[in-house]
Each structure stands twice: as C-alpha cells, then as structure tokens.
Amino acid sequence: MFNDIKKLKEIFNLSGISNFYLLFILIFVNSFFELISIGMLIPYLSLILDPFTYEKYYNFAHDLDITILKELFLLEKKDFLLFLTFFILILFVVKFLINILFSYYLSYSKIKYEKKVSITIMNNFVNSNDFSYLNFPVSKILHDITDRVSNISTCVINFGNLLAEAIIFTSIILFIIFSSTDKNFYIFLFLLLIFAAFFLFFKNKAVNWSNLRGKGGNARNKNLLDFLEGIREIIIYSSYKNLINDFQSNNNKYLDPLQKMLFWGSIPRIFLEIILILYFLILLLYYIFLDLDYNYLILSSSILLVMVLRILPSINRILYNYAQIKYATEPISSVHSILKMKIHTNHVSKLKFENQINLHNIKFNYFENSDVLSSLNLKVNKDEKIGICGETGVGKTTLIDIIVGIKKPSEGKIKVDDEELTNENLKNWIQNIAYVPQRFFLFNSSLKNNITFA
C-alpha cells in the first residue's frame, strides 16, 4: 500500500497539487473530537450505573487539587449529572459540525484533484516528447482520463478516512487493553485476529481485482468506440450480435470485481457482530445459572459495548478504505506512467530547416522480424518537391510520420541541417511542419473551431 500512496503523491505533485496540510489537520481534529466524545460516555455510564462512582470521582478531584474540578463536585449528584449531560451534548454538536466540515473537505478535494489530474494528462499528451502513447488503444486513454482518474481522486477520501479511523481504532484498542478484564481482553483479542485475517485476505485479492477491472474497462471502452464509430454499418448489415456479446463479456469483467469488493467488504462487520452478541449472551447466562452478582457485569459490559459499537464500524471502514486503495493499484500505476512522460520545455531553441533533411539508414518495424522500412536513406533539399509512391501498406504514411517526428525509427538517424533529431529538440522541429493528413478529421465542435484549429 505504501508504494501506491507514494505513486499517488507523485501523481498529485506532478498535477500541481502539493498542499495537504489542511487535510491532515482536519483528520487529526476530527479524530480528536471523536475520541473525546467516546471517552466522555464512559464516566457518564459509570455514574449512572454504579452508585459508588460519584464518590470515587469526588475523591479523585480533591486529590488532584484543581479548583474547577472541586467546585464541580460540590454540586449535588443530580445537578452534576445534568451539567455533564449538557456538556456531552455540546461536545457531540461540535463533533457533528467538524464531521460535516471534514466530509465536505474530502469530497471537495476529490473533485478538485480529479479536475487537476485529468487536465494534466491531456496537457502531457500534447506536450510530451515521447509519442509512444500513440500506440495505445484509444479505449485505454479514454479509460485513463475518465474512470481511472476518478478512482485515483477517490483515494483521497479513502486515505483520509483510513487515517482517521486508524487513529480512533488504535486509541480504543489501547484503552481496552489497559482497562478491560481478562475475559473482555481475550474476546477482543479474538476479534482482532479475525480482523487481521480479513485484512490479509483483502491485501492480495484487491490488487488482483483491480487489474482485472482495469483490463475489462479498457476492453469495454474499445467495444463502445467500435460500436459508435461503426453504427451505420451495424444498422445496415444488422451485424451486431458479436459486438453486443463482446461488450457484455467485457462489461462483466469490468463490473464483477466490483461486486466481489462490495460483498467481501461487508463480511467483517457481520462476523464481528455475531461473535460479540454470542459472547455477551453466553456470559450473561453463565452469571445467571451460577447466581452471581451481575451488576458489575452490566457496568463493565456496557462500557465495552460502547467501545465495540464504535470500533466495529471503524474496523469495517479500515478494511473498506484499505481495500479501495489497493483496488486502485492498477489505475494508479497506469496514470502514474502517463504523468512521468517527459514533457517538452522551451529551453531549446527552435530547430530551423535551412538546407537539407537527411535520413540515414532508417529501419522501422511494428513487430519483430517484420520491417516496414529497412536501410532507408533519403535526402530532401529545401524548396524541393517530392512525391512518395507505393502500394498500400509499404510504409508511405509511416515514413511521413518518422520525418514529422511522431514515430521513432527502430534504427538510424534523422538530421536537419546536420543537427540530429532527438527527444530534446523534437517538439521544436514539429513546429516547422505543415501537415495535411490522408484522412480528414472533424472535431465534434463548431465549424469555426474546426476551420481555425491549426
């Protein structure tokens, strides 16, 4: 998970997002008020259920020799409970407001980060010196900018919730360890072992489901693009069964891992709840059959129940948010590789074409042992007009792409006025090119935008 978080941080930094201080402050403030509100319920329950607790607290306050505490315990027990009730009510109202602020900031950050990462990917595609992404299926790029970026930005919410719940969970565990009876401690240890088992299960499965979902998403988008681009032919020839079957198959591959995540994410809470209820029922029956005094059992069990009722959702949220971060492993890796592409800068002077373009011993292949161009040598003088003729598939368009710079030769060099074309000066060279493609493309926009595009 730490490797995923490291990549996630790099993605945000590369997208110009670097200020995470407010997020961490809100996480700790939210966790603090959550713990304080839970902690206040324990003495409150003790005062109500145990008649001797008030006296213990009274003696404790006098031993501390703190004036304000002494004055509080000068009140009658009824007045003191009334004061404590109002104090807890105010505390929960403050906690409620902080929870709202925390939830709002998480959702705000998710959308903000999604916007920034999406536009950074688009900018990287047009400003990169590395055009290898042109070999990517369009469906993959579409999936990167939409679904994968959404998954990544959701990790902000997952990480924030995971860290907040981990703080609360750890604090409650420490309290139970140091304050519980042996019986309560052992049952809690048993619950922790179940939690650890699910945690290890999720760790491996979530990554596998993430990879399957990523591949299914790429294939599903490819089916959609094929369907939309060929809709006329599909209607005319009524040839749609295979396309729909392929889409259904790939859509299942995309959605089935999500169904598994949702199912297994709900299992820990169900298991832990049933074990806890059985434990309390068995313990209560034990006290009843042996005619033991179960007033102390009610008090200690009530305190433990308050802890567990808060810790069960915490365990569930930790598992869920951890699994979601692991589930985003494939999207994080995919987007991270795009944002790490080398970006063009304007530090290199514009590469001018004054005399001659020289292609020396150019070789190019799309697949091994299948050369499209081999040992090609060509000189193009300035102001010279050249026509390239040949049958379909012999490499005419590939040669133009190599000269333009959007395809790199497998071997050989391209020189412009004796200056070799490299990744550093490639974008500057492209600025010299006027290009009329063999297949015209119109943007799904206004006529004005299409005419003024270049």
Protein backbone atom coordinates (compact mmCIF):
# COMPACT_ATOMS: atom_id res chain seq x y z
CA MET A 1 0.00 0.00 0.00
CA PHE A 2 2.86 2.40 0.79
CA ASN A 3 4.11 2.09 -2.78
CA ASP A 4 0.62 3.00 -4.04
CA ILE A 5 0.48 6.02 -1.70
CA LYS A 6 3.95 7.11 -2.86
CA LYS A 7 2.82 6.96 -6.52
CA LEU A 8 -0.41 8.73 -5.59
CA LYS A 9 1.56 11.57 -4.01
CA GLU A 10 3.74 11.81 -7.13
CA ILE A 11 0.62 11.97 -9.33
CA PHE A 12 -0.75 14.87 -7.30
CA ASN A 13 2.63 16.66 -7.23
CA LEU A 14 3.02 16.28 -11.00
CA SER A 15 -0.50 17.69 -11.35
CA GLY A 16 0.43 20.77 -9.31
CA ILE A 17 -1.28 19.61 -6.11
CA SER A 18 1.08 19.82 -3.16
CA ASN A 19 -0.72 21.34 -0.16
CA PHE A 20 -2.02 18.51 2.01
CA TYR A 21 -1.58 20.25 5.39
CA LEU A 22 -5.23 21.23 5.84
CA LEU A 23 -6.30 17.65 5.06
CA PHE A 24 -4.03 16.22 7.78
CA ILE A 25 -5.09 18.90 10.30
CA LEU A 26 -8.76 18.06 9.72
CA ILE A 27 -8.03 14.34 10.04
CA PHE A 28 -6.42 14.78 13.46
CA VAL A 29 -9.01 17.31 14.73
CA ASN A 30 -11.84 15.01 13.61
CA SER A 31 -10.19 12.01 15.30
CA PHE A 32 -9.56 14.01 18.49
CA PHE A 33 -13.21 15.04 18.91
CA GLU A 34 -14.35 11.53 18.02
CA LEU A 35 -12.20 10.09 20.83
CA ILE A 36 -13.19 12.79 23.34
CA SER A 37 -16.89 12.21 22.66
CA ILE A 38 -16.48 8.45 23.14
CA GLY A 39 -14.29 8.95 26.23
CA MET A 40 -16.91 11.13 27.92
CA LEU A 41 -19.54 8.41 27.60
CA ILE A 42 -17.54 6.00 29.80
CA PRO A 43 -17.60 8.06 33.06
CA TYR A 44 -21.15 9.11 32.24
CA LEU A 45 -22.30 5.47 32.09
CA SER A 46 -20.34 4.66 35.25
CA LEU A 47 -22.04 7.50 37.16
CA ILE A 48 -25.48 6.26 36.11
CA LEU A 49 -24.94 2.52 36.62
CA ASP A 50 -22.56 2.43 39.60
CA PRO A 51 -23.66 4.28 42.79
CA PHE A 52 -20.07 4.38 44.12
CA THR A 53 -18.53 6.00 41.04
CA TYR A 54 -19.52 9.55 42.03
CA GLU A 55 -17.67 9.20 45.33
CA LYS A 56 -14.58 7.83 43.56
CA TYR A 57 -14.54 10.77 41.15
CA TYR A 58 -15.10 13.19 44.04
CA ASN A 59 -12.06 11.84 45.91
CA PHE A 60 -10.02 11.83 42.71
CA ALA A 61 -10.88 15.50 42.00
CA HIS A 62 -9.84 16.52 45.54
CA ASP A 63 -6.56 14.62 45.27
CA LEU A 64 -5.73 16.49 42.05
CA ASP A 65 -6.30 19.78 43.88
CA ILE A 66 -7.76 21.53 40.80
CA THR A 67 -10.16 24.27 41.85
CA ILE A 68 -12.63 23.99 38.98
CA LEU A 69 -12.98 20.21 39.49
CA LYS A 70 -13.52 20.67 43.23
CA GLU A 71 -16.26 23.19 42.56
CA LEU A 72 -17.97 20.86 40.10
CA PHE A 73 -18.11 18.05 42.63
CA LEU A 74 -19.58 20.38 45.24
CA LEU A 75 -22.78 20.09 43.22
CA GLU A 76 -25.37 17.52 44.11
CA LYS A 77 -25.08 14.30 42.13
CA LYS A 78 -28.27 15.10 40.19
CA ASP A 79 -27.03 18.60 39.27
CA PHE A 80 -23.63 17.21 38.38
CA LEU A 81 -25.22 14.65 36.02
CA LEU A 82 -27.33 17.39 34.48
CA PHE A 83 -24.23 19.53 33.88
CA LEU A 84 -22.37 16.54 32.42
CA THR A 85 -25.31 15.75 30.11
CA PHE A 86 -25.32 19.27 28.68
CA PHE A 87 -21.53 19.22 28.31
CA ILE A 88 -21.65 15.94 26.38
CA LEU A 89 -24.48 17.30 24.23
CA ILE A 90 -22.40 20.38 23.32
CA LEU A 91 -19.39 18.14 22.65
CA PHE A 92 -21.38 15.97 20.24
CA VAL A 93 -22.76 19.05 18.46
CA VAL A 94 -19.18 20.32 17.92
CA LYS A 95 -18.14 16.86 16.77
CA PHE A 96 -21.10 16.80 14.38
CA LEU A 97 -20.05 20.14 12.84
CA ILE A 98 -16.42 19.02 12.49
CA ASN A 99 -17.56 15.77 10.85
CA ILE A 100 -19.57 17.80 8.32
CA LEU A 101 -16.56 20.04 7.61
CA PHE A 102 -14.28 17.01 7.28
CA SER A 103 -16.67 15.23 4.90
CA TYR A 104 -17.13 18.39 2.82
CA TYR A 105 -13.37 18.94 2.51
CA LEU A 106 -12.77 15.33 1.49
CA SER A 107 -15.43 15.49 -1.24
CA TYR A 108 -14.18 18.94 -2.35
CA SER A 109 -10.60 17.63 -2.55
CA LYS A 110 -11.71 14.57 -4.53
CA ILE A 111 -13.37 16.70 -7.25
CA LYS A 112 -10.57 19.28 -7.24
CA TYR A 113 -7.90 16.60 -7.65
CA GLU A 114 -9.89 14.82 -10.37
CA LYS A 115 -10.12 18.05 -12.37
CA LYS A 116 -6.40 18.77 -11.99
CA VAL A 117 -5.18 15.27 -12.82
CA SER A 118 -7.47 14.96 -15.88
CA ILE A 119 -6.28 18.23 -17.42
CA THR A 120 -2.65 17.40 -16.59
CA ILE A 121 -2.95 14.12 -18.51
CA MET A 122 -4.39 15.99 -21.52
CA ASN A 123 -1.55 18.52 -21.38
CA ASN A 124 1.01 15.72 -21.08
CA PHE A 125 -0.30 14.06 -24.24
CA VAL A 126 0.10 17.21 -26.34
CA ASN A 127 3.35 18.45 -24.75
CA SER A 128 5.22 15.16 -24.34
CA ASN A 129 8.43 14.46 -26.24
CA ASP A 130 7.54 10.76 -26.11
CA PHE A 131 4.87 9.79 -28.65
CA SER A 132 4.76 6.12 -27.67
CA TYR A 133 1.27 6.73 -26.29
CA LEU A 134 0.08 6.97 -29.91
CA ASN A 135 0.41 3.18 -29.95
CA PHE A 136 -2.01 2.89 -27.01
CA PRO A 137 -5.58 1.84 -27.84
CA VAL A 138 -7.93 4.83 -27.75
CA SER A 139 -10.07 2.87 -25.29
CA LYS A 140 -7.18 2.76 -22.78
CA ILE A 141 -6.58 6.52 -22.98
CA LEU A 142 -10.32 7.16 -22.59
CA HIS A 143 -10.37 4.85 -19.56
CA ASP A 144 -7.32 6.64 -18.08
CA ILE A 145 -8.83 10.12 -18.30
CA THR A 146 -12.30 9.11 -17.05
CA ASP A 147 -12.63 6.04 -14.82
CA ARG A 148 -9.02 5.68 -13.67
CA VAL A 149 -8.65 9.34 -12.70
CA SER A 150 -11.95 9.11 -10.81
CA ASN A 151 -10.65 6.05 -8.92
CA ILE A 152 -7.43 7.88 -8.07
CA SER A 153 -9.15 11.00 -6.76
CA THR A 154 -11.49 8.81 -4.68
CA CYS A 155 -8.35 7.51 -2.96
CA VAL A 156 -8.10 10.94 -1.28
CA ILE A 157 -11.35 10.20 0.55
CA ASN A 158 -10.26 6.62 1.22
CA PHE A 159 -6.89 7.70 2.60
CA GLY A 160 -8.40 10.45 4.77
CA ASN A 161 -10.99 8.08 6.24
CA LEU A 162 -8.42 5.30 6.66
CA LEU A 163 -6.03 7.53 8.63
CA ALA A 164 -8.82 8.98 10.80
CA GLU A 165 -10.26 5.54 11.58
CA ALA A 166 -6.79 4.09 12.26
CA ILE A 167 -6.19 6.78 14.92
CA ILE A 168 -9.57 6.11 16.55
CA PHE A 169 -9.15 2.32 16.30
CA THR A 170 -5.66 2.37 17.86
CA SER A 171 -6.76 4.63 20.73
CA ILE A 172 -9.76 2.43 21.59
CA ILE A 173 -7.62 -0.71 21.42
CA LEU A 174 -5.11 0.78 23.87
CA PHE A 175 -7.92 1.77 26.23
CA ILE A 176 -9.42 -1.73 26.17
CA ILE A 177 -6.03 -3.38 26.69
CA PHE A 178 -5.26 -1.31 29.79
CA SER A 179 -8.73 -1.18 31.33
CA SER A 180 -10.56 -4.41 30.49
CA THR A 181 -10.88 -7.61 32.49
CA ASP A 182 -9.14 -10.75 31.26
CA LYS A 183 -12.37 -12.13 29.78
CA ASN A 184 -13.07 -8.96 27.79
CA PHE A 185 -9.45 -8.73 26.72
CA TYR A 186 -9.40 -12.27 25.28
CA ILE A 187 -12.63 -11.85 23.36
CA PHE A 188 -11.30 -8.61 21.98
CA LEU A 189 -8.05 -10.28 21.02
CA PHE A 190 -10.09 -12.91 19.17
CA LEU A 191 -11.96 -10.18 17.29
CA LEU A 192 -8.63 -8.59 16.33
CA LEU A 193 -7.37 -11.89 14.92
CA ILE A 194 -10.46 -12.12 12.71
CA PHE A 195 -9.85 -8.53 11.62
CA ALA A 196 -6.21 -9.35 10.77
CA ALA A 197 -7.27 -12.41 8.75
CA PHE A 198 -9.66 -10.34 6.63
CA PHE A 199 -7.01 -7.65 6.27
CA LEU A 200 -4.51 -10.14 4.80
CA PHE A 201 -7.20 -11.60 2.54
CA PHE A 202 -8.09 -8.17 1.16
CA LYS A 203 -4.46 -7.20 0.65
CA ASN A 204 -3.89 -9.80 -2.07
CA LYS A 205 -7.37 -10.06 -3.58
CA ALA A 206 -7.95 -6.32 -4.03
CA VAL A 207 -4.86 -5.90 -6.25
CA ASN A 208 -5.92 -8.83 -8.44
CA TRP A 209 -9.47 -7.48 -8.75
CA SER A 210 -8.05 -4.05 -9.61
CA ASN A 211 -6.01 -5.47 -12.51
CA LEU A 212 -8.98 -7.49 -13.82
CA ARG A 213 -11.25 -4.44 -13.62
CA GLY A 214 -8.67 -2.30 -15.47
CA LYS A 215 -8.37 -4.77 -18.35
CA GLY A 216 -12.14 -5.18 -18.51
CA GLY A 217 -12.59 -1.39 -18.59
CA ASN A 218 -10.13 -1.00 -21.49
CA ALA A 219 -11.87 -3.73 -23.49
CA ARG A 220 -15.34 -2.37 -22.69
CA ASN A 221 -14.42 1.12 -23.90
CA LYS A 222 -12.96 -0.40 -27.08
CA ASN A 223 -16.28 -2.16 -27.74
CA LEU A 224 -18.18 1.10 -27.19
CA LEU A 225 -15.90 3.04 -29.56
CA ASP A 226 -16.20 0.35 -32.25
CA PHE A 227 -19.98 0.33 -31.82
CA LEU A 228 -20.36 4.13 -32.08
CA GLU A 229 -17.90 4.58 -34.95
CA GLY A 230 -19.46 1.78 -36.99
CA ILE A 231 -23.09 2.37 -36.08
CA ARG A 232 -24.17 2.96 -39.72
CA GLU A 233 -22.63 -0.28 -40.95
CA ILE A 234 -24.03 -2.14 -37.95
CA ILE A 235 -27.57 -0.92 -38.70
CA ILE A 236 -27.34 -1.55 -42.47
CA TYR A 237 -25.85 -5.05 -42.20
CA SER A 238 -27.66 -5.96 -38.95
CA SER A 239 -24.29 -7.25 -37.78
CA TYR A 240 -24.43 -6.51 -34.08
CA LYS A 241 -24.62 -9.81 -32.19
CA ASN A 242 -20.87 -10.33 -31.88
CA LEU A 243 -20.32 -6.70 -30.80
CA ILE A 244 -23.03 -6.90 -28.14
CA ASN A 245 -21.75 -10.28 -26.92
CA ASP A 246 -18.21 -8.88 -26.68
CA PHE A 247 -19.46 -5.81 -24.83
CA GLN A 248 -21.47 -7.96 -22.40
CA SER A 249 -18.45 -10.17 -21.74
CA ASN A 250 -16.08 -7.23 -21.14
CA ASN A 251 -18.69 -5.31 -19.14
CA ASN A 252 -18.95 -8.34 -16.84
CA LYS A 253 -15.15 -8.40 -16.48
CA TYR A 254 -15.30 -4.72 -15.51
CA LEU A 255 -18.19 -4.98 -13.03
CA ASP A 256 -17.74 -8.46 -11.46
CA PRO A 257 -14.63 -7.46 -9.44
CA LEU A 258 -16.62 -4.54 -8.01
CA GLN A 259 -19.37 -6.92 -6.88
CA LYS A 260 -16.75 -9.04 -5.09
CA MET A 261 -15.32 -5.94 -3.40
CA LEU A 262 -18.73 -4.83 -2.15
CA PHE A 263 -19.60 -8.32 -0.86
CA TRP A 264 -16.33 -9.05 0.94
CA GLY A 265 -16.27 -5.51 2.34
CA SER A 266 -19.48 -6.19 4.27
CA ILE A 267 -18.43 -9.59 5.70
CA PRO A 268 -16.13 -8.45 8.60
CA ARG A 269 -18.85 -6.37 10.28
CA ILE A 270 -21.34 -9.26 10.09
CA PHE A 271 -18.87 -11.76 11.57
CA LEU A 272 -17.71 -9.46 14.34
CA GLU A 273 -21.24 -8.51 15.36
CA ILE A 274 -22.48 -12.09 15.67
CA ILE A 275 -19.40 -13.14 17.67
CA LEU A 276 -19.81 -10.20 20.03
CA ILE A 277 -23.52 -10.81 20.62
CA LEU A 278 -22.91 -14.52 21.29
CA TYR A 279 -20.16 -13.63 23.76
CA PHE A 280 -22.40 -11.31 25.79
CA LEU A 281 -25.32 -13.77 25.79
CA ILE A 282 -23.14 -16.70 26.91
CA LEU A 283 -21.50 -14.59 29.63
CA LEU A 284 -24.89 -13.39 30.90
CA LEU A 285 -26.25 -16.96 31.00
CA TYR A 286 -23.14 -18.03 32.90
CA TYR A 287 -23.78 -15.38 35.61
CA ILE A 288 -27.49 -16.24 35.80
CA PHE A 289 -27.03 -20.01 36.20
CA LEU A 290 -24.35 -19.60 38.87
CA ASP A 291 -26.41 -16.97 40.74
CA LEU A 292 -23.54 -14.49 40.50
CA ASP A 293 -23.94 -10.76 41.02
CA TYR A 294 -24.16 -9.40 37.51
CA ASN A 295 -24.34 -5.67 38.35
CA TYR A 296 -20.61 -5.36 37.76
CA LEU A 297 -21.02 -7.40 34.57
CA ILE A 298 -23.63 -4.93 33.33
CA LEU A 299 -21.35 -1.98 34.07
CA SER A 300 -18.17 -3.43 32.52
CA SER A 301 -20.10 -4.89 29.59
CA SER A 302 -21.85 -1.58 28.94
CA ILE A 303 -18.53 0.23 28.75
CA LEU A 304 -17.08 -2.44 26.49
CA LEU A 305 -20.25 -2.36 24.38
CA VAL A 306 -19.87 1.40 23.86
CA MET A 307 -16.28 0.82 22.73
CA VAL A 308 -17.16 -2.06 20.47
CA LEU A 309 -20.18 -0.31 18.93
CA ARG A 310 -17.75 2.38 17.82
CA ILE A 311 -14.91 0.07 16.90
CA LEU A 312 -17.00 -2.27 14.70
CA PRO A 313 -17.76 0.47 12.14
CA SER A 314 -14.14 1.56 12.49
CA ILE A 315 -12.88 -1.92 11.59
CA ASN A 316 -15.27 -2.08 8.67
CA ARG A 317 -14.18 1.34 7.40
CA ILE A 318 -10.49 0.50 7.77
CA LEU A 319 -10.92 -2.68 5.74
CA TYR A 320 -13.10 -0.94 3.15
CA ASN A 321 -10.85 2.09 2.66
CA TYR A 322 -7.68 -0.02 2.65
CA ALA A 323 -9.23 -2.35 0.08
CA GLN A 324 -10.30 0.62 -2.06
CA ILE A 325 -6.74 1.98 -2.07
CA LYS A 326 -5.39 -1.46 -3.04
CA TYR A 327 -8.22 -1.74 -5.55
CA ALA A 328 -6.87 1.44 -7.19
CA THR A 329 -3.41 -0.11 -7.69
CA GLU A 330 -3.90 -0.60 -11.44
CA PRO A 331 -5.37 2.89 -12.10
CA ILE A 332 -2.59 4.49 -10.01
CA SER A 333 0.15 2.66 -11.96
CA SER A 334 -1.44 3.46 -15.33
CA VAL A 335 -1.92 7.19 -14.69
CA HIS A 336 1.46 7.45 -12.93
CA SER A 337 3.23 6.14 -16.06
CA ILE A 338 1.49 8.79 -18.21
CA LEU A 339 2.37 11.66 -15.90
CA LYS A 340 6.02 10.53 -15.77
CA MET A 341 6.35 11.05 -19.53
CA LYS A 342 9.00 13.60 -20.47
CA ILE A 343 7.39 16.98 -21.13
CA HIS A 344 8.56 19.45 -23.76
CA THR A 345 10.14 22.66 -22.50
CA ASN A 346 11.03 25.78 -24.43
CA HIS A 347 14.64 25.90 -23.22
CA VAL A 348 15.89 24.50 -26.55
CA SER A 349 15.99 26.96 -29.44
CA LYS A 350 13.69 26.37 -32.38
CA LEU A 351 15.12 23.87 -34.87
CA LYS A 352 15.15 25.62 -38.24
CA PHE A 353 15.16 23.99 -41.66
CA GLU A 354 17.56 25.94 -43.90
CA ASN A 355 19.21 23.42 -46.22
CA GLN A 356 18.59 19.70 -46.01
CA ILE A 357 16.80 16.83 -44.23
CA ASN A 358 18.90 13.67 -44.17
CA LEU A 359 17.53 10.21 -43.28
CA HIS A 360 20.38 7.78 -42.72
CA ASN A 361 19.94 4.00 -42.60
CA ILE A 362 16.38 4.18 -41.27
CA LYS A 363 14.74 0.99 -40.07
CA PHE A 364 11.22 0.69 -38.64
CA ASN A 365 9.01 -2.20 -37.60
CA TYR A 366 5.74 -2.57 -35.74
CA PHE A 367 6.53 -6.18 -34.84
CA GLU A 368 9.79 -8.10 -34.51
CA ASN A 369 11.11 -9.67 -37.75
CA SER A 370 8.62 -7.65 -39.77
CA ASP A 371 10.32 -4.50 -41.12
CA VAL A 372 8.15 -1.85 -42.72
CA LEU A 373 11.23 0.19 -43.63
CA SER A 374 14.77 -1.16 -43.83
CA SER A 375 18.11 0.55 -44.60
CA LEU A 376 16.32 3.62 -45.96
CA ASN A 377 18.49 6.60 -46.96
CA LEU A 378 16.89 9.81 -48.19
CA LYS A 379 17.91 13.43 -48.69
CA VAL A 380 15.33 16.22 -49.00
CA ASN A 381 16.60 19.66 -50.00
CA LYS A 382 14.81 22.86 -49.04
CA ASP A 383 12.19 24.02 -51.61
CA GLU A 384 12.35 20.59 -53.28
CA LYS A 385 9.02 18.91 -54.08
CA ILE A 386 8.93 15.14 -53.56
CA GLY A 387 6.18 12.62 -54.16
CA ILE A 388 6.30 9.22 -52.43
CA CYS A 389 4.57 6.46 -54.38
CA GLY A 390 3.83 2.86 -53.50
CA GLU A 391 1.21 0.23 -52.84
CA THR A 392 -0.96 0.19 -49.74
CA GLY A 393 0.98 -0.92 -46.68
CA VAL A 394 4.53 -0.38 -47.98
CA GLY A 395 5.21 2.39 -45.43
CA LYS A 396 4.40 5.75 -47.08
CA THR A 397 2.47 7.14 -44.09
CA THR A 398 4.99 5.58 -41.68
CA LEU A 399 7.83 7.39 -43.48
CA ILE A 400 6.00 10.73 -43.22
CA ASP A 401 5.33 10.09 -39.51
CA ILE A 402 9.05 9.42 -38.99
CA ILE A 403 10.04 12.64 -40.79
CA VAL A 404 7.44 14.61 -38.83
CA GLY A 405 8.72 13.04 -35.59
CA ILE A 406 5.63 11.31 -34.20
CA LYS A 407 7.19 7.88 -34.83
CA LYS A 408 10.72 6.94 -33.82
CA PRO A 409 12.76 4.68 -36.14
CA SER A 410 13.95 1.37 -34.72
CA GLU A 411 17.41 2.18 -36.07
CA GLY A 412 19.04 5.04 -37.93
CA LYS A 413 19.28 8.82 -37.62
CA ILE A 414 17.40 11.86 -38.90
CA LYS A 415 19.37 15.07 -39.31
CA VAL A 416 18.08 18.54 -40.09
CA ASP A 417 20.93 20.74 -41.36
CA ASP A 418 23.41 18.35 -39.72
CA GLU A 419 21.62 18.57 -36.33
CA GLU A 420 20.32 15.19 -35.18
CA LEU A 421 16.64 14.96 -34.28
CA THR A 422 16.34 13.94 -30.59
CA ASN A 423 13.74 13.98 -27.84
CA GLU A 424 15.13 17.33 -26.66
CA ASN A 425 14.53 19.20 -29.93
CA LEU A 426 11.65 17.09 -31.32
CA LYS A 427 8.81 19.45 -30.34
CA ASN A 428 10.75 22.40 -31.76
CA TRP A 429 11.14 20.54 -35.04
CA ILE A 430 7.42 19.75 -35.24
CA GLN A 431 6.68 23.48 -35.12
CA ASN A 432 8.14 23.69 -38.66
CA ILE A 433 5.70 21.14 -40.08
CA ALA A 434 2.60 21.86 -42.15
CA TYR A 435 0.59 18.65 -42.38
CA VAL A 436 -2.41 17.62 -44.47
CA PRO A 437 -3.47 14.08 -43.46
CA GLN A 438 -4.85 11.50 -45.87
CA ARG A 439 -7.87 11.12 -43.59
CA PHE A 440 -9.50 14.37 -42.54
CA PHE A 441 -10.74 14.66 -39.00
CA LEU A 442 -13.52 16.98 -37.83
CA PHE A 443 -13.91 17.75 -34.14
CA ASN A 444 -17.34 17.41 -32.60
CA SER A 445 -17.46 21.19 -32.29
CA SER A 446 -18.43 24.33 -34.24
CA LEU A 447 -17.41 24.93 -37.87
CA LYS A 448 -15.40 27.96 -36.69
CA ASN A 449 -13.36 25.85 -34.25
CA ASN A 450 -12.63 23.25 -36.97
CA ILE A 451 -11.53 25.89 -39.52
CA THR A 452 -9.30 27.77 -37.04
CA PHE A 453 -7.88 24.62 -35.40
CA ALA A 454 -4.41 24.79 -36.97
